[in-house]
Amino acid sequence: MEPASVVYFVDDDPGMRAAIQRLLTLSKVAVEVYASGAEFLDAARFDRPGCIVLDVSMPQMSGLEVQAALKQRDVALPVVFLTGSSDIPIAVTAMREGAIDFIEKPFQNEDFVARIRAAIARHLRVRHADSERAAVRSHIDKLTPREHQIMELVVTGKTSKEIARAIGSSHRTVEIHRARLMEKMGAKTLAELVRLRMQVVDGASEDTT
């Protein structure tokens, strides 16, 4: 079961922390507030879906420094920056480093909540896709070398007869391997097998970009 989503809000201003905590709680969005980047990095758990909202300008450890520390730890949670008008160039830098949004102060409460919900929804989609890819990879790992070879030929559109000629086997043997690999992959149709295989390929491409 997917754990409950949470917003991690990091700001050195106690008034802003209290206001955001109240706003998100009233909007039925779980929130944890932290007074500094160091406190956040020391205390927060990053295994739950959600998003991180960082104030750009904080003493001791700026929002950008917190973002860099999160990247070093391979934290996959999306990051949203809270900025003043003079912080826009910094926010643009943060976006180049992987932040997904920045919200300017002062902001409308409804707009803030909507953009936070969008960040959470985005992370849930990513987690779901990652989980599906992991499941597909586990199925692929159960294939024998011959089944894996035949699958790679099947998804290119080759028929069982063409595969048999390519690997020097009989049509009947290829059909048996094909049925077994379809069962192991949990695919009922050729289209579904192609989709599952491409899901892993697409995921690998994203990981290397």
Protein backbone atom coordinates (compact mmCIF):
# COMPACT_ATOMS: atom_id res chain seq x y z
CA MET A 1 0.00 0.00 0.00
CA GLU A 2 1.27 3.48 -0.94
CA PRO A 3 2.17 5.53 2.16
CA ALA A 4 0.33 8.82 2.68
CA SER A 5 1.70 11.85 0.84
CA VAL A 6 3.34 14.66 2.78
CA VAL A 7 4.60 18.17 2.08
CA TYR A 8 7.92 19.11 3.68
CA PHE A 9 7.96 22.87 4.19
CA VAL A 10 11.30 24.49 5.08
CA ASP A 11 11.40 28.19 6.01
CA ASP A 12 13.22 30.11 8.72
CA ASP A 13 10.25 32.49 9.18
CA PRO A 14 8.04 31.16 12.02
CA GLY A 15 5.06 33.18 10.83
CA MET A 16 5.29 31.69 7.34
CA ARG A 17 5.69 28.17 8.74
CA ALA A 18 2.58 28.60 10.88
CA ALA A 19 0.57 30.06 7.99
CA ILE A 20 1.51 27.30 5.55
CA GLN A 21 0.92 24.60 8.11
CA ARG A 22 -2.54 25.98 8.78
CA LEU A 23 -3.33 26.44 5.07
CA LEU A 24 -2.29 22.92 4.05
CA THR A 25 -3.93 21.29 7.08
CA LEU A 26 -7.23 23.04 6.28
CA SER A 27 -6.80 21.85 2.68
CA LYS A 28 -6.40 18.27 3.98
CA VAL A 29 -2.78 18.05 2.83
CA ALA A 30 -0.36 16.49 5.33
CA VAL A 31 2.54 18.81 6.11
CA GLU A 32 5.73 18.81 8.15
CA VAL A 33 7.46 22.13 8.84
CA TYR A 34 11.16 22.73 9.48
CA ALA A 35 12.94 25.89 10.59
CA SER A 36 16.19 25.25 8.70
CA GLY A 37 17.71 23.15 5.99
CA ALA A 38 19.95 21.36 8.48
CA GLU A 39 17.00 20.43 10.69
CA PHE A 40 15.08 19.18 7.67
CA LEU A 41 17.93 17.06 6.35
CA ASP A 42 18.58 15.57 9.79
CA ALA A 43 14.99 14.77 10.75
CA ALA A 44 12.87 14.15 7.65
CA ARG A 45 12.09 10.74 6.17
CA PHE A 46 12.24 10.67 2.40
CA ASP A 47 10.53 7.35 1.70
CA ARG A 48 7.05 8.85 1.32
CA PRO A 49 5.46 10.45 -1.73
CA GLY A 50 4.88 14.19 -1.72
CA CYS A 51 7.00 17.25 -2.36
CA ILE A 52 9.50 19.59 -0.71
CA VAL A 53 8.91 23.34 -0.49
CA LEU A 54 12.08 25.32 0.19
CA ASP A 55 12.45 29.01 0.92
CA VAL A 56 15.23 30.32 -1.32
CA SER A 57 16.81 32.71 1.20
CA MET A 58 17.59 31.09 4.54
CA PRO A 59 20.52 31.73 6.91
CA GLN A 60 23.25 29.11 7.41
CA MET A 61 21.94 26.90 4.59
CA SER A 62 20.19 28.38 1.57
CA GLY A 63 17.47 26.68 -0.41
CA LEU A 64 19.94 25.95 -3.21
CA GLU A 65 22.33 24.32 -0.75
CA VAL A 66 19.51 22.15 0.59
CA GLN A 67 18.61 21.19 -2.98
CA ALA A 68 22.24 20.21 -3.65
CA ALA A 69 22.30 18.08 -0.50
CA LEU A 70 19.09 16.34 -1.58
CA LYS A 71 20.62 15.55 -4.97
CA GLN A 72 23.70 14.08 -3.29
CA ARG A 73 21.40 11.79 -1.29
CA ASP A 74 19.45 10.82 -4.43
CA VAL A 75 16.19 12.08 -2.93
CA ALA A 76 13.58 11.82 -5.68
CA LEU A 77 10.94 14.07 -4.15
CA PRO A 78 10.04 17.05 -6.36
CA VAL A 79 11.27 20.41 -5.09
CA VAL A 80 9.27 23.66 -5.20
CA PHE A 81 10.93 26.95 -4.25
CA LEU A 82 9.31 29.84 -2.43
CA THR A 83 10.81 33.12 -3.59
CA GLY A 84 10.66 36.87 -3.19
CA SER A 85 10.74 39.07 -6.29
CA SER A 86 14.49 39.61 -5.94
CA ASP A 87 15.11 35.85 -5.82
CA ILE A 88 13.84 35.05 -9.35
CA PRO A 89 17.34 34.55 -10.87
CA ILE A 90 18.13 32.12 -8.05
CA ALA A 91 14.85 30.30 -8.65
CA VAL A 92 15.69 29.95 -12.34
CA THR A 93 19.01 28.38 -11.34
CA ALA A 94 17.12 26.03 -9.04
CA MET A 95 14.89 24.98 -11.95
CA ARG A 96 17.97 24.20 -14.02
CA GLU A 97 19.15 22.00 -11.16
CA GLY A 98 15.92 20.02 -11.18
CA ALA A 99 13.32 21.97 -9.20
CA ILE A 100 9.87 21.62 -10.78
CA ASP A 101 8.34 24.98 -9.81
CA PHE A 102 8.85 28.22 -7.93
CA ILE A 103 6.13 30.26 -6.23
CA GLU A 104 6.54 33.99 -5.75
CA LYS A 105 5.57 35.78 -2.56
CA PRO A 106 3.00 37.09 -1.99
CA PHE A 107 0.84 34.32 -3.41
CA GLN A 108 -2.82 33.41 -3.51
CA ASN A 109 -3.63 30.57 -1.12
CA GLU A 110 -5.71 28.73 -3.72
CA ASP A 111 -2.91 28.94 -6.29
CA PHE A 112 -0.33 27.76 -3.76
CA VAL A 113 -2.39 24.72 -2.77
CA ALA A 114 -3.17 23.86 -6.40
CA ARG A 115 0.50 23.93 -7.38
CA ILE A 116 1.49 21.84 -4.37
CA ARG A 117 -1.20 19.28 -5.22
CA ALA A 118 0.14 19.19 -8.80
CA ALA A 119 3.67 18.51 -7.51
CA ILE A 120 2.40 15.68 -5.31
CA ALA A 121 0.39 14.19 -8.18
CA ARG A 122 3.46 14.31 -10.39
CA HIS A 123 5.52 12.44 -7.82
CA LEU A 124 2.81 9.80 -7.38
CA ARG A 125 2.83 9.20 -11.15
CA VAL A 126 6.61 8.84 -11.15
CA ARG A 127 6.54 6.41 -8.21
CA HIS A 128 3.84 4.35 -9.90
CA ALA A 129 5.82 4.19 -13.14
CA ASP A 130 8.99 3.22 -11.26
CA SER A 131 7.10 0.47 -9.44
CA GLU A 132 5.70 -0.88 -12.71
CA ARG A 133 9.16 -0.89 -14.32
CA ALA A 134 10.60 -2.74 -11.34
CA ALA A 135 7.87 -5.37 -11.64
CA VAL A 136 8.58 -5.81 -15.36
CA ARG A 137 12.30 -6.15 -14.71
CA SER A 138 11.61 -8.84 -12.11
CA HIS A 139 9.57 -10.77 -14.69
CA ILE A 140 12.35 -10.42 -17.28
CA ASP A 141 14.89 -11.71 -14.76
CA LYS A 142 12.87 -14.95 -14.52
CA LEU A 143 13.22 -15.68 -18.23
CA THR A 144 15.74 -18.23 -19.40
CA PRO A 145 18.41 -16.99 -21.84
CA ARG A 146 16.52 -18.64 -24.72
CA GLU A 147 13.19 -17.11 -23.65
CA HIS A 148 14.84 -13.72 -23.39
CA GLN A 149 16.35 -14.12 -26.87
CA ILE A 150 12.96 -15.06 -28.32
CA MET A 151 11.23 -12.17 -26.55
CA GLU A 152 13.65 -9.68 -28.09
CA LEU A 153 12.84 -11.08 -31.53
CA VAL A 154 9.09 -11.25 -30.87
CA VAL A 155 8.89 -7.57 -29.91
CA THR A 156 10.56 -6.59 -33.21
CA GLY A 157 7.60 -8.16 -35.02
CA LYS A 158 9.16 -11.45 -36.14
CA THR A 159 6.87 -14.48 -36.46
CA SER A 160 7.59 -17.79 -34.77
CA LYS A 161 8.70 -19.24 -38.12
CA GLU A 162 11.11 -16.35 -38.69
CA ILE A 163 12.46 -16.71 -35.15
CA ALA A 164 12.94 -20.45 -35.63
CA ARG A 165 15.03 -19.83 -38.74
CA ALA A 166 17.02 -17.06 -37.02
CA ILE A 167 18.00 -19.17 -33.99
CA GLY A 168 18.20 -22.55 -35.71
CA SER A 169 15.31 -24.14 -33.85
CA SER A 170 11.97 -25.71 -34.74
CA HIS A 171 8.75 -23.76 -35.06
CA ARG A 172 7.16 -25.95 -32.35
CA THR A 173 10.02 -25.28 -29.89
CA VAL A 174 9.77 -21.54 -30.47
CA GLU A 175 6.02 -21.67 -29.86
CA ILE A 176 6.60 -23.45 -26.53
CA HIS A 177 9.21 -20.89 -25.43
CA ARG A 178 6.97 -18.07 -26.59
CA ALA A 179 4.02 -19.34 -24.55
CA ARG A 180 6.21 -19.70 -21.47
CA LEU A 181 7.71 -16.23 -21.75
CA MET A 182 4.26 -14.70 -22.25
CA GLU A 183 3.11 -16.42 -19.06
CA LYS A 184 6.19 -15.30 -17.09
CA MET A 185 5.78 -11.74 -18.31
CA GLY A 186 2.08 -11.73 -17.44
CA ALA A 187 1.21 -10.67 -21.00
CA LYS A 188 -1.94 -11.96 -22.65
CA THR A 189 -1.30 -10.39 -26.06
CA LEU A 190 1.65 -9.48 -28.25
CA ALA A 191 0.75 -5.80 -27.89
CA GLU A 192 0.92 -6.10 -24.11
CA LEU A 193 4.30 -7.82 -24.30
CA VAL A 194 5.66 -5.02 -26.50
CA ARG A 195 4.30 -2.41 -24.09
CA LEU A 196 5.93 -4.11 -21.10
CA ARG A 197 9.27 -4.46 -22.89
CA MET A 198 9.23 -0.84 -24.06
CA GLN A 199 8.38 0.30 -20.54
CA VAL A 200 11.75 -1.01 -19.35
CA VAL A 201 13.58 0.46 -22.36
CA ASP A 202 11.97 3.88 -21.85
CA GLY A 203 12.76 3.78 -18.14
CA ALA A 204 16.42 3.01 -18.86
CA SER A 205 16.57 5.93 -21.29
CA GLU A 206 15.14 8.30 -18.66
CA ASP A 207 17.66 7.07 -16.08
CA THR A 208 20.57 8.00 -18.36
CA THR A 209 19.38 11.50 -19.29
